[in-house]
Amino acid sequence: MADTRNELICISCPRGCLLKVSGQGEALEITGNFCSKGIDYARKEITEPVRVLTVLMRPEGGGRPVSVKTDRPVPKDMLKKCAAEIYRNHPKLPIRSGDVLIKDLCGTGADVVATSTLK
């Protein structure tokens, strides 16, 4: 594995520390953090970045889309595949905020949940 050198802004708390990451594998050196959350954030962001996916989903028959999101972060390198799977699905109305519209999205373990209501 090549030596990694990155700068990240930590989003674990409102402080927004500028983290400097160098090294490789288990020997990552992380500096610039104010609290221990920065170390955990940087290590995860460098080794296995994840994001909560938030998109719009068209209901069956078209009409106004409903906003949805994954109930947990999914691997960043799978975001396009996951979004494409969401766009292929068209749930039936009515949709209530909190309804699970897709279970285990692309094998990630994340469910797609409605974040708004549509009748």
PDB file of N, CA and C in Angstrom:
ATOM      1  N   MET A   1       0.846  -1.178   0.000  1.00  0.00           N
ATOM      2  CA  MET A   1       0.000   0.000   0.000  1.00  0.00           C
ATOM      3  C   MET A   1       0.890   1.238   0.000  1.00  0.00           C
ATOM      4  N   ALA A   2       0.557   2.189  -0.834  1.00  0.00           N
ATOM      5  CA  ALA A   2       1.351   3.409  -0.950  1.00  0.00           C
ATOM      6  C   ALA A   2       1.149   4.301   0.267  1.00  0.00           C
ATOM      7  N   ASP A   3       2.119   5.157   0.512  1.00  0.00           N
ATOM      8  CA  ASP A   3       2.030   6.125   1.590  1.00  0.00           C
ATOM      9  C   ASP A   3       0.876   7.079   1.297  1.00  0.00           C
ATOM     10  N   THR A   4       0.050   7.337   2.275  1.00  0.00           N
ATOM     11  CA  THR A   4      -1.118   8.193   2.112  1.00  0.00           C
ATOM     12  C   THR A   4      -0.878   9.541   2.777  1.00  0.00           C
ATOM     13  N   ARG A   5      -1.146  10.609   2.044  1.00  0.00           N
ATOM     14  CA  ARG A   5      -1.054  11.955   2.611  1.00  0.00           C
ATOM     15  C   ARG A   5      -2.317  12.707   2.203  1.00  0.00           C
ATOM     16  N   ASN A   6      -3.081  13.126   3.193  1.00  0.00           N
ATOM     17  CA  ASN A   6      -4.342  13.807   2.931  1.00  0.00           C
ATOM     18  C   ASN A   6      -4.603  14.863   3.980  1.00  0.00           C
ATOM     19  N   GLU A   7      -5.436  15.809   3.600  1.00  0.00           N
ATOM     20  CA  GLU A   7      -6.002  16.763   4.537  1.00  0.00           C
ATOM     21  C   GLU A   7      -7.506  16.590   4.480  1.00  0.00           C
ATOM     22  N   LEU A   8      -8.112  16.520   5.638  1.00  0.00           N
ATOM     23  CA  LEU A   8      -9.554  16.343   5.756  1.00  0.00           C
ATOM     24  C   LEU A   8     -10.094  17.366   6.734  1.00  0.00           C
ATOM     25  N   ILE A   9     -11.334  17.762   6.541  1.00  0.00           N
ATOM     26  CA  ILE A   9     -12.023  18.563   7.541  1.00  0.00           C
ATOM     27  C   ILE A   9     -12.933  17.613   8.292  1.00  0.00           C
ATOM     28  N   CYS A  10     -12.736  17.510   9.571  1.00  0.00           N
ATOM     29  CA  CYS A  10     -13.520  16.592  10.392  1.00  0.00           C
ATOM     30  C   CYS A  10     -14.948  17.124  10.512  1.00  0.00           C
ATOM     31  N   ILE A  11     -15.918  16.230  10.317  1.00  0.00           N
ATOM     32  CA  ILE A  11     -17.332  16.617  10.433  1.00  0.00           C
ATOM     33  C   ILE A  11     -18.003  15.915  11.612  1.00  0.00           C
ATOM     34  N   SER A  12     -17.207  15.392  12.535  1.00  0.00           N
ATOM     35  CA  SER A  12     -17.767  14.698  13.694  1.00  0.00           C
ATOM     36  C   SER A  12     -18.393  15.632  14.712  1.00  0.00           C
ATOM     37  N   CYS A  13     -17.958  16.865  14.729  1.00  0.00           N
ATOM     38  CA  CYS A  13     -18.546  17.857  15.636  1.00  0.00           C
ATOM     39  C   CYS A  13     -18.501  19.225  14.946  1.00  0.00           C
ATOM     40  N   PRO A  14     -19.129  20.225  15.507  1.00  0.00           N
ATOM     41  CA  PRO A  14     -19.173  21.543  14.853  1.00  0.00           C
ATOM     42  C   PRO A  14     -17.832  22.268  14.740  1.00  0.00           C
ATOM     43  N   ARG A  15     -16.816  21.812  15.432  1.00  0.00           N
ATOM     44  CA  ARG A  15     -15.526  22.502  15.424  1.00  0.00           C
ATOM     45  C   ARG A  15     -14.873  22.504  14.041  1.00  0.00           C
ATOM     46  N   GLY A  16     -14.981  21.420  13.279  1.00  0.00           N
ATOM     47  CA  GLY A  16     -14.436  21.359  11.924  1.00  0.00           C
ATOM     48  C   GLY A  16     -12.922  21.411  11.861  1.00  0.00           C
ATOM     49  N   CYS A  17     -12.259  20.588  12.624  1.00  0.00           N
ATOM     50  CA  CYS A  17     -10.788  20.575  12.655  1.00  0.00           C
ATOM     51  C   CYS A  17     -10.207  20.175  11.303  1.00  0.00           C
ATOM     52  N   LEU A  18      -9.096  20.811  10.929  1.00  0.00           N
ATOM     53  CA  LEU A  18      -8.357  20.434   9.729  1.00  0.00           C
ATOM     54  C   LEU A  18      -7.390  19.318  10.131  1.00  0.00           C
ATOM     55  N   LEU A  19      -7.675  18.119   9.645  1.00  0.00           N
ATOM     56  CA  LEU A  19      -6.871  16.958   9.989  1.00  0.00           C
ATOM     57  C   LEU A  19      -5.834  16.702   8.914  1.00  0.00           C
ATOM     58  N   LYS A  20      -4.656  16.346   9.324  1.00  0.00           N
ATOM     59  CA  LYS A  20      -3.599  15.935   8.392  1.00  0.00           C
ATOM     60  C   LYS A  20      -3.341  14.458   8.640  1.00  0.00           C
ATOM     61  N   VAL A  21      -3.411  13.687   7.551  1.00  0.00           N
ATOM     62  CA  VAL A  21      -3.259  12.238   7.645  1.00  0.00           C
ATOM     63  C   VAL A  21      -2.082  11.812   6.789  1.00  0.00           C
ATOM     64  N   SER A  22      -1.184  11.032   7.376  1.00  0.00           N
ATOM     65  CA  SER A  22      -0.067  10.485   6.615  1.00  0.00           C
ATOM     66  C   SER A  22       0.188   9.064   7.100  1.00  0.00           C
ATOM     67  N   GLY A  23       0.942   8.330   6.310  1.00  0.00           N
ATOM     68  CA  GLY A  23       1.256   6.959   6.667  1.00  0.00           C
ATOM     69  C   GLY A  23       0.432   5.978   5.863  1.00  0.00           C
ATOM     70  N   GLN A  24       0.449   4.723   6.312  1.00  0.00           N
ATOM     71  CA  GLN A  24      -0.282   3.689   5.598  1.00  0.00           C
ATOM     72  C   GLN A  24      -0.814   2.650   6.568  1.00  0.00           C
ATOM     73  N   GLY A  25      -1.875   1.968   6.181  1.00  0.00           N
ATOM     74  CA  GLY A  25      -2.444   0.882   6.968  1.00  0.00           C
ATOM     75  C   GLY A  25      -2.671   1.249   8.419  1.00  0.00           C
ATOM     76  N   GLU A  26      -2.186   0.392   9.297  1.00  0.00           N
ATOM     77  CA  GLU A  26      -2.340   0.609  10.733  1.00  0.00           C
ATOM     78  C   GLU A  26      -1.439   1.719  11.258  1.00  0.00           C
ATOM     79  N   ALA A  27      -0.460   2.141  10.446  1.00  0.00           N
ATOM     80  CA  ALA A  27       0.498   3.162  10.871  1.00  0.00           C
ATOM     81  C   ALA A  27       0.078   4.565  10.438  1.00  0.00           C
ATOM     82  N   LEU A  28      -1.228   4.802  10.282  1.00  0.00           N
ATOM     83  CA  LEU A  28      -1.684   6.140   9.928  1.00  0.00           C
ATOM     84  C   LEU A  28      -1.364   7.111  11.058  1.00  0.00           C
ATOM     85  N   GLU A  29      -0.836   8.258  10.689  1.00  0.00           N
ATOM     86  CA  GLU A  29      -0.573   9.308  11.664  1.00  0.00           C
ATOM     87  C   GLU A  29      -1.572  10.428  11.398  1.00  0.00           C
ATOM     88  N   ILE A  30      -2.356  10.772  12.418  1.00  0.00           N
ATOM     89  CA  ILE A  30      -3.411  11.768  12.278  1.00  0.00           C
ATOM     90  C   ILE A  30      -3.132  12.891  13.256  1.00  0.00           C
ATOM     91  N   THR A  31      -3.063  14.121  12.722  1.00  0.00           N
ATOM     92  CA  THR A  31      -2.818  15.286  13.562  1.00  0.00           C
ATOM     93  C   THR A  31      -3.840  16.373  13.225  1.00  0.00           C
ATOM     94  N   GLY A  32      -3.929  17.357  14.104  1.00  0.00           N
ATOM     95  CA  GLY A  32      -4.816  18.493  13.879  1.00  0.00           C
ATOM     96  C   GLY A  32      -6.169  18.350  14.551  1.00  0.00           C
ATOM     97  N   ASN A  33      -6.420  17.209  15.185  1.00  0.00           N
ATOM     98  CA  ASN A  33      -7.709  16.989  15.832  1.00  0.00           C
ATOM     99  C   ASN A  33      -7.736  17.623  17.211  1.00  0.00           C
ATOM    100  N   PHE A  34      -8.888  18.169  17.578  1.00  0.00           N
ATOM    101  CA  PHE A  34      -9.074  18.741  18.905  1.00  0.00           C
ATOM    102  C   PHE A  34      -9.537  17.664  19.886  1.00  0.00           C
ATOM    103  N   CYS A  35     -10.311  16.683  19.360  1.00  0.00           N
ATOM    104  CA  CYS A  35     -10.816  15.627  20.230  1.00  0.00           C
ATOM    105  C   CYS A  35     -10.569  14.265  19.576  1.00  0.00           C
ATOM    106  N   SER A  36     -10.860  13.206  20.294  1.00  0.00           N
ATOM    107  CA  SER A  36     -10.611  11.853  19.782  1.00  0.00           C
ATOM    108  C   SER A  36     -11.538  11.486  18.623  1.00  0.00           C
ATOM    109  N   LYS A  37     -12.660  12.176  18.486  1.00  0.00           N
ATOM    110  CA  LYS A  37     -13.573  11.896  17.372  1.00  0.00           C
ATOM    111  C   LYS A  37     -12.880  12.115  16.029  1.00  0.00           C
ATOM    112  N   GLY A  38     -11.970  13.070  15.977  1.00  0.00           N
ATOM    113  CA  GLY A  38     -11.241  13.369  14.745  1.00  0.00           C
ATOM    114  C   GLY A  38     -10.383  12.208  14.288  1.00  0.00           C
ATOM    115  N   ILE A  39      -9.777  11.514  15.219  1.00  0.00           N
ATOM    116  CA  ILE A  39      -8.945  10.365  14.881  1.00  0.00           C
ATOM    117  C   ILE A  39      -9.807   9.255  14.286  1.00  0.00           C
ATOM    118  N   ASP A  40     -10.926   8.968  14.932  1.00  0.00           N
ATOM    119  CA  ASP A  40     -11.839   7.933  14.417  1.00  0.00           C
ATOM    120  C   ASP A  40     -12.375   8.311  13.047  1.00  0.00           C
ATOM    121  N   TYR A  41     -12.781   9.575  12.893  1.00  0.00           N
ATOM    122  CA  TYR A  41     -13.318  10.040  11.608  1.00  0.00           C
ATOM    123  C   TYR A  41     -12.281   9.882  10.490  1.00  0.00           C
ATOM    124  N   ALA A  42     -11.076  10.356  10.720  1.00  0.00           N
ATOM    125  CA  ALA A  42     -10.030  10.304   9.688  1.00  0.00           C
ATOM    126  C   ALA A  42      -9.686   8.863   9.317  1.00  0.00           C
ATOM    127  N   ARG A  43      -9.555   8.003  10.306  1.00  0.00           N
ATOM    128  CA  ARG A  43      -9.203   6.602  10.042  1.00  0.00           C
ATOM    129  C   ARG A  43     -10.288   5.948   9.168  1.00  0.00           C
ATOM    130  N   LYS A  44     -11.556   6.175   9.502  1.00  0.00           N
ATOM    131  CA  LYS A  44     -12.655   5.607   8.712  1.00  0.00           C
ATOM    132  C   LYS A  44     -12.720   6.235   7.326  1.00  0.00           C
ATOM    133  N   GLU A  45     -12.517   7.531   7.236  1.00  0.00           N
ATOM    134  CA  GLU A  45     -12.606   8.230   5.949  1.00  0.00           C
ATOM    135  C   GLU A  45     -11.493   7.793   4.997  1.00  0.00           C
ATOM    136  N   ILE A  46     -10.333   7.502   5.515  1.00  0.00           N
ATOM    137  CA  ILE A  46      -9.209   7.067   4.674  1.00  0.00           C
ATOM    138  C   ILE A  46      -9.346   5.590   4.301  1.00  0.00           C
ATOM    139  N   THR A  47      -9.756   4.752   5.238  1.00  0.00           N
ATOM    140  CA  THR A  47      -9.771   3.319   4.969  1.00  0.00           C
ATOM    141  C   THR A  47     -11.064   2.818   4.334  1.00  0.00           C
ATOM    142  N   GLU A  48     -12.217   3.353   4.740  1.00  0.00           N
ATOM    143  CA  GLU A  48     -13.498   2.880   4.215  1.00  0.00           C
ATOM    144  C   GLU A  48     -14.543   3.994   4.306  1.00  0.00           C
ATOM    145  N   PRO A  49     -14.513   4.951   3.364  1.00  0.00           N
ATOM    146  CA  PRO A  49     -15.447   6.075   3.434  1.00  0.00           C
ATOM    147  C   PRO A  49     -16.891   5.638   3.174  1.00  0.00           C
ATOM    148  N   VAL A  50     -17.812   6.201   3.938  1.00  0.00           N
ATOM    149  CA  VAL A  50     -19.235   5.907   3.802  1.00  0.00           C
ATOM    150  C   VAL A  50     -20.032   7.217   3.824  1.00  0.00           C
ATOM    151  N   ARG A  51     -21.232   7.168   3.241  1.00  0.00           N
ATOM    152  CA  ARG A  51     -22.115   8.331   3.222  1.00  0.00           C
ATOM    153  C   ARG A  51     -23.562   7.879   3.341  1.00  0.00           C
ATOM    154  N   VAL A  52     -24.409   8.704   3.945  1.00  0.00           N
ATOM    155  CA  VAL A  52     -25.849   8.507   3.883  1.00  0.00           C
ATOM    156  C   VAL A  52     -26.286   9.053   2.528  1.00  0.00           C
ATOM    157  N   LEU A  53     -27.065   8.270   1.798  1.00  0.00           N
ATOM    158  CA  LEU A  53     -27.526   8.657   0.464  1.00  0.00           C
ATOM    159  C   LEU A  53     -28.919   9.272   0.586  1.00  0.00           C
ATOM    160  N   THR A  54     -29.077  10.488   0.106  1.00  0.00           N
ATOM    161  CA  THR A  54     -30.354  11.188   0.118  1.00  0.00           C
ATOM    162  C   THR A  54     -30.699  11.567  -1.313  1.00  0.00           C
ATOM    163  N   VAL A  55     -31.863  11.108  -1.799  1.00  0.00           N
ATOM    164  CA  VAL A  55     -32.292  11.368  -3.175  1.00  0.00           C
ATOM    165  C   VAL A  55     -33.816  11.506  -3.225  1.00  0.00           C
ATOM    166  N   LEU A  56     -34.332  11.765  -4.419  1.00  0.00           N
ATOM    167  CA  LEU A  56     -35.770  11.792  -4.654  1.00  0.00           C
ATOM    168  C   LEU A  56     -36.173  10.510  -5.375  1.00  0.00           C
ATOM    169  N   MET A  57     -37.361  10.014  -5.066  1.00  0.00           N
ATOM    170  CA  MET A  57     -37.859   8.768  -5.647  1.00  0.00           C
ATOM    171  C   MET A  57     -39.242   9.021  -6.223  1.00  0.00           C
ATOM    172  N   ARG A  58     -39.447   8.633  -7.482  1.00  0.00           N
ATOM    173  CA  ARG A  58     -40.754   8.819  -8.123  1.00  0.00           C
ATOM    174  C   ARG A  58     -41.706   7.690  -7.735  1.00  0.00           C
ATOM    175  N   PRO A  59     -42.919   8.033  -7.295  1.00  0.00           N
ATOM    176  CA  PRO A  59     -43.889   6.988  -6.967  1.00  0.00           C
ATOM    177  C   PRO A  59     -44.457   6.350  -8.237  1.00  0.00           C
ATOM    178  N   GLU A  60     -45.104   5.231  -8.066  1.00  0.00           N
ATOM    179  CA  GLU A  60     -45.746   4.538  -9.177  1.00  0.00           C
ATOM    180  C   GLU A  60     -46.739   5.498  -9.853  1.00  0.00           C
ATOM    181  N   GLY A  61     -46.717   5.556 -11.163  1.00  0.00           N
ATOM    182  CA  GLY A  61     -47.611   6.443 -11.903  1.00  0.00           C
ATOM    183  C   GLY A  61     -47.076   7.856 -12.072  1.00  0.00           C
ATOM    184  N   GLY A  62     -45.863   8.116 -11.642  1.00  0.00           N
ATOM    185  CA  GLY A  62     -45.260   9.443 -11.791  1.00  0.00           C
ATOM    186  C   GLY A  62     -45.737  10.401 -10.715  1.00  0.00           C
ATOM    187  N   GLY A  63     -45.836  11.653 -11.074  1.00  0.00           N
ATOM    188  CA  GLY A  63     -46.246  12.656 -10.094  1.00  0.00           C
ATOM    189  C   GLY A  63     -45.071  13.188  -9.306  1.00  0.00           C
ATOM    190  N   ARG A  64     -45.415  13.894  -8.256  1.00  0.00           N
ATOM    191  CA  ARG A  64     -44.408  14.525  -7.413  1.00  0.00           C
ATOM    192  C   ARG A  64     -43.524  13.476  -6.743  1.00  0.00           C
ATOM    193  N   PRO A  65     -42.200  13.673  -6.738  1.00  0.00           N
ATOM    194  CA  PRO A  65     -41.313  12.706  -6.082  1.00  0.00           C
ATOM    195  C   PRO A  65     -41.356  12.834  -4.562  1.00  0.00           C
ATOM    196  N   VAL A  66     -40.933  11.783  -3.896  1.00  0.00           N
ATOM    197  CA  VAL A  66     -40.840  11.764  -2.444  1.00  0.00           C
ATOM    198  C   VAL A  66     -39.354  11.728  -2.070  1.00  0.00           C
ATOM    199  N   SER A  67     -38.982  12.449  -1.031  1.00  0.00           N
ATOM    200  CA  SER A  67     -37.580  12.429  -0.596  1.00  0.00           C
ATOM    201  C   SER A  67     -37.339  11.173   0.240  1.00  0.00           C
ATOM    202  N   VAL A  68     -36.179  10.565   0.017  1.00  0.00           N
ATOM    203  CA  VAL A  68     -35.799   9.339   0.724  1.00  0.00           C
ATOM    204  C   VAL A  68     -34.329   9.418   1.118  1.00  0.00           C
ATOM    205  N   LYS A  69     -33.945   8.572   2.062  1.00  0.00           N
ATOM    206  CA  LYS A  69     -32.535   8.459   2.446  1.00  0.00           C
ATOM    207  C   LYS A  69     -32.282   7.066   2.980  1.00  0.00           C
ATOM    208  N   THR A  70     -31.010   6.687   2.994  1.00  0.00           N
ATOM    209  CA  THR A  70     -30.655   5.409   3.599  1.00  0.00           C
ATOM    210  C   THR A  70     -30.650   5.591   5.118  1.00  0.00           C
ATOM    211  N   ASP A  71     -31.026   4.541   5.828  1.00  0.00           N
ATOM    212  CA  ASP A  71     -31.098   4.641   7.288  1.00  0.00           C
ATOM    213  C   ASP A  71     -29.744   4.513   7.970  1.00  0.00           C
ATOM    214  N   ARG A  72     -28.719   4.253   7.174  1.00  0.00           N
ATOM    215  CA  ARG A  72     -27.346   4.191   7.679  1.00  0.00           C
ATOM    216  C   ARG A  72     -26.409   4.478   6.507  1.00  0.00           C
ATOM    217  N   PRO A  73     -25.185   4.820   6.767  1.00  0.00           N
ATOM    218  CA  PRO A  73     -24.244   5.086   5.677  1.00  0.00           C
ATOM    219  C   PRO A  73     -23.978   3.847   4.826  1.00  0.00           C
ATOM    220  N   VAL A  74     -23.744   4.084   3.537  1.00  0.00           N
ATOM    221  CA  VAL A  74     -23.366   3.023   2.605  1.00  0.00           C
ATOM    222  C   VAL A  74     -21.961   3.340   2.080  1.00  0.00           C
ATOM    223  N   PRO A  75     -21.225   2.344   1.605  1.00  0.00           N
ATOM    224  CA  PRO A  75     -19.884   2.605   1.087  1.00  0.00           C
ATOM    225  C   PRO A  75     -19.922   3.668  -0.030  1.00  0.00           C
ATOM    226  N   LYS A  76     -19.007   4.605   0.052  1.00  0.00           N
ATOM    227  CA  LYS A  76     -18.966   5.710  -0.903  1.00  0.00           C
ATOM    228  C   LYS A  76     -18.812   5.222  -2.344  1.00  0.00           C
ATOM    229  N   ASP A  77     -18.074   4.133  -2.541  1.00  0.00           N
ATOM    230  CA  ASP A  77     -17.877   3.630  -3.903  1.00  0.00           C
ATOM    231  C   ASP A  77     -19.125   2.932  -4.458  1.00  0.00           C
ATOM    232  N   MET A  78     -20.172   2.802  -3.652  1.00  0.00           N
ATOM    233  CA  MET A  78     -21.424   2.189  -4.118  1.00  0.00           C
ATOM    234  C   MET A  78     -22.555   3.202  -4.287  1.00  0.00           C
ATOM    235  N   LEU A  79     -22.282   4.487  -4.100  1.00  0.00           N
ATOM    236  CA  LEU A  79     -23.341   5.495  -4.144  1.00  0.00           C
ATOM    237  C   LEU A  79     -24.083   5.509  -5.476  1.00  0.00           C
ATOM    238  N   LYS A  80     -23.377   5.471  -6.599  1.00  0.00           N
ATOM    239  CA  LYS A  80     -24.040   5.503  -7.907  1.00  0.00           C
ATOM    240  C   LYS A  80     -24.898   4.266  -8.125  1.00  0.00           C
ATOM    241  N   LYS A  81     -24.388   3.105  -7.762  1.00  0.00           N
ATOM    242  CA  LYS A  81     -25.146   1.862  -7.908  1.00  0.00           C
ATOM    243  C   LYS A  81     -26.402   1.898  -7.040  1.00  0.00           C
ATOM    244  N   CYS A  82     -26.272   2.378  -5.824  1.00  0.00           N
ATOM    245  CA  CYS A  82     -27.417   2.471  -4.918  1.00  0.00           C
ATOM    246  C   CYS A  82     -28.451   3.472  -5.425  1.00  0.00           C
ATOM    247  N   ALA A  83     -27.997   4.614  -5.927  1.00  0.00           N
ATOM    248  CA  ALA A  83     -28.926   5.606  -6.467  1.00  0.00           C
ATOM    249  C   ALA A  83     -29.668   5.038  -7.672  1.00  0.00           C
ATOM    250  N   ALA A  84     -28.968   4.330  -8.544  1.00  0.00           N
ATOM    251  CA  ALA A  84     -29.608   3.732  -9.718  1.00  0.00           C
ATOM    252  C   ALA A  84     -30.685   2.730  -9.302  1.00  0.00           C
ATOM    253  N   GLU A  85     -30.423   1.964  -8.252  1.00  0.00           N
ATOM    254  CA  GLU A  85     -31.416   0.996  -7.762  1.00  0.00           C
ATOM    255  C   GLU A  85     -32.645   1.717  -7.203  1.00  0.00           C
ATOM    256  N   ILE A  86     -32.434   2.805  -6.498  1.00  0.00           N
ATOM    257  CA  ILE A  86     -33.562   3.585  -5.976  1.00  0.00           C
ATOM    258  C   ILE A  86     -34.393   4.127  -7.133  1.00  0.00           C
ATOM    259  N   TYR A  87     -33.731   4.677  -8.157  1.00  0.00           N
ATOM    260  CA  TYR A  87     -34.449   5.261  -9.293  1.00  0.00           C
ATOM    261  C   TYR A  87     -35.238   4.206 -10.076  1.00  0.00           C
ATOM    262  N   ARG A  88     -34.837   2.940 -10.020  1.00  0.00           N
ATOM    263  CA  ARG A  88     -35.562   1.864 -10.722  1.00  0.00           C
ATOM    264  C   ARG A  88     -36.858   1.470 -10.013  1.00  0.00           C
ATOM    265  N   ASN A  89     -36.961   1.803  -8.747  1.00  0.00           N
ATOM    266  CA  ASN A  89     -38.138   1.430  -7.952  1.00  0.00           C
ATOM    267  C   ASN A  89     -39.144   2.574  -7.901  1.00  0.00           C
ATOM    268  N   HIS A  90     -40.429   2.215  -7.907  1.00  0.00           N
ATOM    269  CA  HIS A  90     -41.513   3.202  -7.866  1.00  0.00           C
ATOM    270  C   HIS A  90     -42.574   2.715  -6.878  1.00  0.00           C
ATOM    271  N   PRO A  91     -42.503   3.188  -5.631  1.00  0.00           N
ATOM    272  CA  PRO A  91     -43.434   2.712  -4.607  1.00  0.00           C
ATOM    273  C   PRO A  91     -44.864   3.213  -4.850  1.00  0.00           C
ATOM    274  N   LYS A  92     -45.813   2.462  -4.327  1.00  0.00           N
ATOM    275  CA  LYS A  92     -47.229   2.833  -4.435  1.00  0.00           C
ATOM    276  C   LYS A  92     -47.580   3.872  -3.378  1.00  0.00           C
ATOM    277  N   LEU A  93     -48.503   4.742  -3.729  1.00  0.00           N
ATOM    278  CA  LEU A  93     -49.015   5.738  -2.786  1.00  0.00           C
ATOM    279  C   LEU A  93     -50.061   5.075  -1.899  1.00  0.00           C
ATOM    280  N   PRO A  94     -50.326   5.544  -0.712  1.00  0.00           N
ATOM    281  CA  PRO A  94     -49.664   6.653  -0.033  1.00  0.00           C
ATOM    282  C   PRO A  94     -48.317   6.227   0.571  1.00  0.00           C
ATOM    283  N   ILE A  95     -47.466   7.204   0.720  1.00  0.00           N
ATOM    284  CA  ILE A  95     -46.153   6.998   1.344  1.00  0.00           C
ATOM    285  C   ILE A  95     -46.094   7.912   2.560  1.00  0.00           C
ATOM    286  N   ARG A  96     -45.721   7.353   3.691  1.00  0.00           N
ATOM    287  CA  ARG A  96     -45.620   8.142   4.924  1.00  0.00           C
ATOM    288  C   ARG A  96     -44.158   8.267   5.339  1.00  0.00           C
ATOM    289  N   SER A  97     -43.849   9.387   5.921  1.00  0.00           N
ATOM    290  CA  SER A  97     -42.492   9.587   6.435  1.00  0.00           C
ATOM    291  C   SER A  97     -42.145   8.445   7.388  1.00  0.00           C
ATOM    292  N   GLY A  98     -41.008   7.814   7.167  1.00  0.00           N
ATOM    293  CA  GLY A  98     -40.575   6.701   7.990  1.00  0.00           C
ATOM    294  C   GLY A  98     -40.832   5.340   7.358  1.00  0.00           C
ATOM    295  N   ASP A  99     -41.657   5.295   6.280  1.00  0.00           N
ATOM    296  CA  ASP A  99     -41.896   4.027   5.587  1.00  0.00           C
ATOM    297  C   ASP A  99     -40.607   3.495   4.977  1.00  0.00           C
ATOM    298  N   VAL A 100     -40.354   2.200   5.137  1.00  0.00           N
ATOM    299  CA  VAL A 100     -39.213   1.560   4.484  1.00  0.00           C
ATOM    300  C   VAL A 100     -39.656   1.185   3.078  1.00  0.00           C
ATOM    301  N   LEU A 101     -39.015   1.787   2.059  1.00  0.00           N
ATOM    302  CA  LEU A 101     -39.404   1.578   0.673  1.00  0.00           C
ATOM    303  C   LEU A 101     -38.553   0.523  -0.025  1.00  0.00           C
ATOM    304  N   ILE A 102     -37.310   0.346   0.409  1.00  0.00           N
ATOM    305  CA  ILE A 102     -36.430  -0.708  -0.106  1.00  0.00           C
ATOM    306  C   ILE A 102     -35.641  -1.248   1.076  1.00  0.00           C
ATOM    307  N   LYS A 103     -35.633  -2.561   1.241  1.00  0.00           N
ATOM    308  CA  LYS A 103     -34.841  -3.194   2.307  1.00  0.00           C
ATOM    309  C   LYS A 103     -33.496  -3.650   1.745  1.00  0.00           C
ATOM    310  N   ASP A 104     -32.462  -3.555   2.536  1.00  0.00           N
ATOM    311  CA  ASP A 104     -31.114  -4.031   2.199  1.00  0.00           C
ATOM    312  C   ASP A 104     -30.677  -3.573   0.801  1.00  0.00           C
ATOM    313  N   LEU A 105     -30.597  -2.286   0.619  1.00  0.00           N
ATOM    314  CA  LEU A 105     -30.237  -1.670  -0.659  1.00  0.00           C
ATOM    315  C   LEU A 105     -28.899  -2.194  -1.173  1.00  0.00           C
ATOM    316  N   CYS A 106     -28.924  -2.863  -2.300  1.00  0.00           N
ATOM    317  CA  CYS A 106     -27.733  -3.390  -2.978  1.00  0.00           C
ATOM    318  C   CYS A 106     -26.841  -4.231  -2.061  1.00  0.00           C
ATOM    319  N   GLY A 107     -27.434  -4.895  -1.093  1.00  0.00           N
ATOM    320  CA  GLY A 107     -26.679  -5.742  -0.188  1.00  0.00           C
ATOM    321  C   GLY A 107     -25.855  -5.000   0.850  1.00  0.00           C
ATOM    322  N   THR A 108     -26.135  -3.714   1.036  1.00  0.00           N
ATOM    323  CA  THR A 108     -25.366  -2.910   1.984  1.00  0.00           C
ATOM    324  C   THR A 108     -25.868  -3.039   3.416  1.00  0.00           C
ATOM    325  N   GLY A 109     -27.069  -3.598   3.587  1.00  0.00           N
ATOM    326  CA  GLY A 109     -27.684  -3.652   4.908  1.00  0.00           C
ATOM    327  C   GLY A 109     -28.494  -2.408   5.225  1.00  0.00           C
ATOM    328  N   ALA A 110     -28.406  -1.399   4.371  1.00  0.00           N
ATOM    329  CA  ALA A 110     -29.144  -0.146   4.583  1.00  0.00           C
ATOM    330  C   ALA A 110     -30.529  -0.240   3.955  1.00  0.00           C
ATOM    331  N   ASP A 111     -31.518   0.283   4.664  1.00  0.00           N
ATOM    332  CA  ASP A 111     -32.868   0.383   4.118  1.00  0.00           C
ATOM    333  C   ASP A 111     -33.078   1.794   3.597  1.00  0.00           C
ATOM    334  N   VAL A 112     -33.923   1.925   2.564  1.00  0.00           N
ATOM    335  CA  VAL A 112     -34.296   3.227   2.022  1.00  0.00           C
ATOM    336  C   VAL A 112     -35.592   3.636   2.700  1.00  0.00           C
ATOM    337  N   VAL A 113     -35.583   4.800   3.354  1.00  0.00           N
ATOM    338  CA  VAL A 113     -36.690   5.255   4.172  1.00  0.00           C
ATOM    339  C   VAL A 113     -37.214   6.585   3.625  1.00  0.00           C
ATOM    340  N   ALA A 114     -38.542   6.716   3.545  1.00  0.00           N
ATOM    341  CA  ALA A 114     -39.155   7.972   3.130  1.00  0.00           C
ATOM    342  C   ALA A 114     -38.918   9.030   4.209  1.00  0.00           C
ATOM    343  N   THR A 115     -38.575  10.241   3.782  1.00  0.00           N
ATOM    344  CA  THR A 115     -38.370  11.330   4.741  1.00  0.00           C
ATOM    345  C   THR A 115     -39.463  12.378   4.635  1.00  0.00           C
ATOM    346  N   SER A 116     -40.476  12.105   3.798  1.00  0.00           N
ATOM    347  CA  SER A 116     -41.634  12.981   3.687  1.00  0.00           C
ATOM    348  C   SER A 116     -42.863  12.127   3.392  1.00  0.00           C
ATOM    349  N   THR A 117     -44.023  12.738   3.482  1.00  0.00           N
ATOM    350  CA  THR A 117     -45.280  12.050   3.241  1.00  0.00           C
ATOM    351  C   THR A 117     -45.844  12.493   1.910  1.00  0.00           C
ATOM    352  N   LEU A 118     -46.388  11.532   1.176  1.00  0.00           N
ATOM    353  CA  LEU A 118     -46.969  11.818  -0.136  1.00  0.00           C
ATOM    354  C   LEU A 118     -48.235  10.974  -0.280  1.00  0.00           C
ATOM    355  N   LYS A 119     -49.375  11.658  -0.554  1.00  0.00           N
ATOM    356  CA  LYS A 119     -50.653  10.954  -0.657  1.00  0.00           C
ATOM    357  C   LYS A 119     -51.114  10.863  -2.085  1.00  0.00           C
TER     358      LYS A 119
END
